[in-house]
Amino acid sequence: MIGAVVSVTAGIGVLIFNGKIDRLAGRVDALESTMQAVLTLIAGRPAAAPSPPSSD
């Protein structure tokens, strides 16, 4: 009986922990997609051309 109670308790703990991990993974995926969008936007802009060296 004690083994069954411990097993059910451990199972509930695993489900709660997995839910938190899944939520965290979702946040990381959202952050990654945002960063990729920002980097793509920045990379798509033409870079400022360096000024030519002065001939003194």
PDB file of N, CA and C in Angstrom:
ATOM      1  N   MET A   1       0.822  -1.190   0.000  1.00  0.00           N
ATOM      2  CA  MET A   1       0.000   0.000   0.000  1.00  0.00           C
ATOM      3  C   MET A   1       0.873   1.263   0.000  1.00  0.00           C
ATOM      4  N   ILE A   2       1.926   1.218   0.819  1.00  0.00           N
ATOM      5  CA  ILE A   2       2.820   2.374   0.887  1.00  0.00           C
ATOM      6  C   ILE A   2       3.522   2.573  -0.458  1.00  0.00           C
ATOM      7  N   GLY A   3       3.893   1.475  -1.085  1.00  0.00           N
ATOM      8  CA  GLY A   3       4.550   1.562  -2.395  1.00  0.00           C
ATOM      9  C   GLY A   3       3.648   2.196  -3.437  1.00  0.00           C
ATOM     10  N   ALA A   4       2.376   1.878  -3.405  1.00  0.00           N
ATOM     11  CA  ALA A   4       1.432   2.454  -4.367  1.00  0.00           C
ATOM     12  C   ALA A   4       1.282   3.959  -4.140  1.00  0.00           C
ATOM     13  N   VAL A   5       1.193   4.366  -2.885  1.00  0.00           N
ATOM     14  CA  VAL A   5       1.053   5.789  -2.571  1.00  0.00           C
ATOM     15  C   VAL A   5       2.300   6.548  -3.001  1.00  0.00           C
ATOM     16  N   VAL A   6       3.464   5.985  -2.747  1.00  0.00           N
ATOM     17  CA  VAL A   6       4.717   6.630  -3.145  1.00  0.00           C
ATOM     18  C   VAL A   6       4.803   6.712  -4.668  1.00  0.00           C
ATOM     19  N   SER A   7       4.389   5.669  -5.363  1.00  0.00           N
ATOM     20  CA  SER A   7       4.425   5.672  -6.824  1.00  0.00           C
ATOM     21  C   SER A   7       3.492   6.726  -7.406  1.00  0.00           C
ATOM     22  N   VAL A   8       2.293   6.826  -6.877  1.00  0.00           N
ATOM     23  CA  VAL A   8       1.345   7.836  -7.361  1.00  0.00           C
ATOM     24  C   VAL A   8       1.877   9.238  -7.079  1.00  0.00           C
ATOM     25  N   THR A   9       2.425   9.450  -5.903  1.00  0.00           N
ATOM     26  CA  THR A   9       2.991  10.749  -5.551  1.00  0.00           C
ATOM     27  C   THR A   9       4.152  11.106  -6.471  1.00  0.00           C
ATOM     28  N   ALA A  10       5.010  10.145  -6.746  1.00  0.00           N
ATOM     29  CA  ALA A  10       6.141  10.386  -7.645  1.00  0.00           C
ATOM     30  C   ALA A  10       5.642  10.677  -9.058  1.00  0.00           C
ATOM     31  N   GLY A  11       4.608   9.971  -9.496  1.00  0.00           N
ATOM     32  CA  GLY A  11       4.039  10.215 -10.824  1.00  0.00           C
ATOM     33  C   GLY A  11       3.474  11.613 -10.954  1.00  0.00           C
ATOM     34  N   ILE A  12       2.780  12.068  -9.913  1.00  0.00           N
ATOM     35  CA  ILE A  12       2.231  13.427  -9.920  1.00  0.00           C
ATOM     36  C   ILE A  12       3.370  14.444  -9.957  1.00  0.00           C
ATOM     37  N   GLY A  13       4.418  14.188  -9.204  1.00  0.00           N
ATOM     38  CA  GLY A  13       5.573  15.083  -9.206  1.00  0.00           C
ATOM     39  C   GLY A  13       6.226  15.164 -10.571  1.00  0.00           C
ATOM     40  N   VAL A  14       6.324  14.045 -11.250  1.00  0.00           N
ATOM     41  CA  VAL A  14       6.907  14.023 -12.602  1.00  0.00           C
ATOM     42  C   VAL A  14       6.042  14.820 -13.570  1.00  0.00           C
ATOM     43  N   LEU A  15       4.727  14.667 -13.487  1.00  0.00           N
ATOM     44  CA  LEU A  15       3.831  15.417 -14.366  1.00  0.00           C
ATOM     45  C   LEU A  15       3.951  16.923 -14.149  1.00  0.00           C
ATOM     46  N   ILE A  16       4.033  17.334 -12.897  1.00  0.00           N
ATOM     47  CA  ILE A  16       4.176  18.763 -12.598  1.00  0.00           C
ATOM     48  C   ILE A  16       5.514  19.279 -13.125  1.00  0.00           C
ATOM     49  N   PHE A  17       6.579  18.528 -12.880  1.00  0.00           N
ATOM     50  CA  PHE A  17       7.915  18.929 -13.327  1.00  0.00           C
ATOM     51  C   PHE A  17       7.979  19.014 -14.854  1.00  0.00           C
ATOM     52  N   ASN A  18       7.399  18.028 -15.546  1.00  0.00           N
ATOM     53  CA  ASN A  18       7.400  18.041 -17.014  1.00  0.00           C
ATOM     54  C   ASN A  18       6.610  19.230 -17.552  1.00  0.00           C
ATOM     55  N   GLY A  19       5.523  19.580 -16.890  1.00  0.00           N
ATOM     56  CA  GLY A  19       4.761  20.750 -17.316  1.00  0.00           C
ATOM     57  C   GLY A  19       5.578  22.025 -17.220  1.00  0.00           C
ATOM     58  N   LYS A  20       6.356  22.145 -16.149  1.00  0.00           N
ATOM     59  CA  LYS A  20       7.200  23.333 -15.984  1.00  0.00           C
ATOM     60  C   LYS A  20       8.308  23.360 -17.037  1.00  0.00           C
ATOM     61  N   ILE A  21       8.876  22.205 -17.325  1.00  0.00           N
ATOM     62  CA  ILE A  21       9.925  22.129 -18.350  1.00  0.00           C
ATOM     63  C   ILE A  21       9.356  22.469 -19.727  1.00  0.00           C
ATOM     64  N   ASP A  22       8.158  21.969 -20.034  1.00  0.00           N
ATOM     65  CA  ASP A  22       7.536  22.274 -21.323  1.00  0.00           C
ATOM     66  C   ASP A  22       7.245  23.764 -21.457  1.00  0.00           C
ATOM     67  N   ARG A  23       6.788  24.381 -20.377  1.00  0.00           N
ATOM     68  CA  ARG A  23       6.506  25.814 -20.404  1.00  0.00           C
ATOM     69  C   ARG A  23       7.796  26.602 -20.616  1.00  0.00           C
ATOM     70  N   LEU A  24       8.866  26.202 -19.946  1.00  0.00           N
ATOM     71  CA  LEU A  24      10.156  26.859 -20.108  1.00  0.00           C
ATOM     72  C   LEU A  24      10.667  26.690 -21.537  1.00  0.00           C
ATOM     73  N   ALA A  25      10.520  25.496 -22.090  1.00  0.00           N
ATOM     74  CA  ALA A  25      10.959  25.261 -23.472  1.00  0.00           C
ATOM     75  C   ALA A  25      10.171  26.134 -24.434  1.00  0.00           C
ATOM     76  N   GLY A  26       8.890  26.335 -24.173  1.00  0.00           N
ATOM     77  CA  GLY A  26       8.085  27.218 -25.016  1.00  0.00           C
ATOM     78  C   GLY A  26       8.571  28.645 -24.955  1.00  0.00           C
ATOM     79  N   ARG A  27       8.956  29.085 -23.772  1.00  0.00           N
ATOM     80  CA  ARG A  27       9.471  30.447 -23.638  1.00  0.00           C
ATOM     81  C   ARG A  27      10.795  30.602 -24.364  1.00  0.00           C
ATOM     82  N   VAL A  28      11.633  29.587 -24.288  1.00  0.00           N
ATOM     83  CA  VAL A  28      12.927  29.634 -24.982  1.00  0.00           C
ATOM     84  C   VAL A  28      12.707  29.657 -26.488  1.00  0.00           C
ATOM     85  N   ASP A  29      11.758  28.869 -26.986  1.00  0.00           N
ATOM     86  CA  ASP A  29      11.451  28.872 -28.422  1.00  0.00           C
ATOM     87  C   ASP A  29      10.946  30.239 -28.877  1.00  0.00           C
ATOM     88  N   ALA A  30      10.099  30.857 -28.072  1.00  0.00           N
ATOM     89  CA  ALA A  30       9.583  32.182 -28.414  1.00  0.00           C
ATOM     90  C   ALA A  30      10.710  33.213 -28.426  1.00  0.00           C
ATOM     91  N   LEU A  31      11.588  33.135 -27.451  1.00  0.00           N
ATOM     92  CA  LEU A  31      12.722  34.056 -27.403  1.00  0.00           C
ATOM     93  C   LEU A  31      13.639  33.850 -28.596  1.00  0.00           C
ATOM     94  N   GLU A  32      13.872  32.594 -28.966  1.00  0.00           N
ATOM     95  CA  GLU A  32      14.730  32.299 -30.112  1.00  0.00           C
ATOM     96  C   GLU A  32      14.136  32.860 -31.398  1.00  0.00           C
ATOM     97  N   SER A  33      12.839  32.696 -31.595  1.00  0.00           N
ATOM     98  CA  SER A  33      12.219  33.202 -32.822  1.00  0.00           C
ATOM     99  C   SER A  33      12.258  34.728 -32.849  1.00  0.00           C
ATOM    100  N   THR A  34      12.096  35.367 -31.689  1.00  0.00           N
ATOM    101  CA  THR A  34      12.189  36.820 -31.632  1.00  0.00           C
ATOM    102  C   THR A  34      13.604  37.285 -31.971  1.00  0.00           C
ATOM    103  N   MET A  35      14.592  36.615 -31.406  1.00  0.00           N
ATOM    104  CA  MET A  35      15.981  36.984 -31.691  1.00  0.00           C
ATOM    105  C   MET A  35      16.316  36.787 -33.164  1.00  0.00           C
ATOM    106  N   GLN A  36      15.827  35.708 -33.760  1.00  0.00           N
ATOM    107  CA  GLN A  36      16.083  35.483 -35.182  1.00  0.00           C
ATOM    108  C   GLN A  36      15.434  36.566 -36.027  1.00  0.00           C
ATOM    109  N   ALA A  37      14.232  36.989 -35.663  1.00  0.00           N
ATOM    110  CA  ALA A  37      13.563  38.050 -36.410  1.00  0.00           C
ATOM    111  C   ALA A  37      14.350  39.353 -36.310  1.00  0.00           C
ATOM    112  N   VAL A  38      14.830  39.670 -35.112  1.00  0.00           N
ATOM    113  CA  VAL A  38      15.601  40.900 -34.922  1.00  0.00           C
ATOM    114  C   VAL A  38      16.908  40.831 -35.702  1.00  0.00           C
ATOM    115  N   LEU A  39      17.606  39.710 -35.620  1.00  0.00           N
ATOM    116  CA  LEU A  39      18.875  39.585 -36.342  1.00  0.00           C
ATOM    117  C   LEU A  39      18.676  39.623 -37.846  1.00  0.00           C
ATOM    118  N   THR A  40      17.592  39.027 -38.317  1.00  0.00           N
ATOM    119  CA  THR A  40      17.302  39.070 -39.750  1.00  0.00           C
ATOM    120  C   THR A  40      17.021  40.502 -40.182  1.00  0.00           C
ATOM    121  N   LEU A  41      16.284  41.233 -39.358  1.00  0.00           N
ATOM    122  CA  LEU A  41      15.992  42.630 -39.663  1.00  0.00           C
ATOM    123  C   LEU A  41      17.276  43.451 -39.699  1.00  0.00           C
ATOM    124  N   ILE A  42      18.148  43.225 -38.734  1.00  0.00           N
ATOM    125  CA  ILE A  42      19.414  43.968 -38.683  1.00  0.00           C
ATOM    126  C   ILE A  42      20.314  43.580 -39.857  1.00  0.00           C
ATOM    127  N   ALA A  43      20.388  42.284 -40.156  1.00  0.00           N
ATOM    128  CA  ALA A  43      21.259  41.823 -41.235  1.00  0.00           C
ATOM    129  C   ALA A  43      20.724  42.264 -42.592  1.00  0.00           C
ATOM    130  N   GLY A  44      19.432  42.487 -42.700  1.00  0.00           N
ATOM    131  CA  GLY A  44      18.840  42.897 -43.968  1.00  0.00           C
ATOM    132  C   GLY A  44      19.110  44.341 -44.314  1.00  0.00           C
ATOM    133  N   ARG A  45      19.439  45.135 -43.319  1.00  0.00           N
ATOM    134  CA  ARG A  45      19.728  46.543 -43.576  1.00  0.00           C
ATOM    135  C   ARG A  45      21.119  46.685 -44.187  1.00  0.00           C
ATOM    136  N   PRO A  46      21.278  47.587 -45.118  1.00  0.00           N
ATOM    137  CA  PRO A  46      22.628  47.810 -45.664  1.00  0.00           C
ATOM    138  C   PRO A  46      23.508  48.460 -44.617  1.00  0.00           C
ATOM    139  N   ALA A  47      24.701  47.951 -44.513  1.00  0.00           N
ATOM    140  CA  ALA A  47      25.650  48.488 -43.532  1.00  0.00           C
ATOM    141  C   ALA A  47      26.191  49.818 -44.041  1.00  0.00           C
ATOM    142  N   ALA A  48      26.523  50.661 -43.121  1.00  0.00           N
ATOM    143  CA  ALA A  48      27.125  51.953 -43.491  1.00  0.00           C
ATOM    144  C   ALA A  48      28.504  51.687 -44.099  1.00  0.00           C
ATOM    145  N   ALA A  49      28.743  52.283 -45.235  1.00  0.00           N
ATOM    146  CA  ALA A  49      30.025  52.088 -45.922  1.00  0.00           C
ATOM    147  C   ALA A  49      31.122  52.815 -45.147  1.00  0.00           C
ATOM    148  N   PRO A  50      32.257  52.169 -44.953  1.00  0.00           N
ATOM    149  CA  PRO A  50      33.348  52.843 -44.245  1.00  0.00           C
ATOM    150  C   PRO A  50      33.879  53.997 -45.092  1.00  0.00           C
ATOM    151  N   SER A  51      34.272  55.055 -44.421  1.00  0.00           N
ATOM    152  CA  SER A  51      34.794  56.211 -45.162  1.00  0.00           C
ATOM    153  C   SER A  51      36.174  55.866 -45.714  1.00  0.00           C
ATOM    154  N   PRO A  52      36.484  56.316 -46.911  1.00  0.00           N
ATOM    155  CA  PRO A  52      37.788  56.033 -47.501  1.00  0.00           C
ATOM    156  C   PRO A  52      38.894  56.753 -46.735  1.00  0.00           C
ATOM    157  N   PRO A  53      40.050  56.148 -46.675  1.00  0.00           N
ATOM    158  CA  PRO A  53      41.154  56.797 -45.955  1.00  0.00           C
ATOM    159  C   PRO A  53      41.573  58.087 -46.633  1.00  0.00           C
ATOM    160  N   SER A  54      41.917  59.075 -45.840  1.00  0.00           N
ATOM    161  CA  SER A  54      42.332  60.354 -46.393  1.00  0.00           C
ATOM    162  C   SER A  54      43.777  60.256 -46.900  1.00  0.00           C
ATOM    163  N   SER A  55      44.034  60.905 -47.998  1.00  0.00           N
ATOM    164  CA  SER A  55      45.404  60.881 -48.563  1.00  0.00           C
ATOM    165  C   SER A  55      46.099  62.184 -48.168  1.00  0.00           C
ATOM    166  N   ASP A  56      46.867  62.119 -47.103  1.00  0.00           N
ATOM    167  CA  ASP A  56      47.596  63.301 -46.609  1.00  0.00           C
ATOM    168  C   ASP A  56      48.949  63.384 -47.199  1.00  0.00           C
TER     169      ASP A  56
END
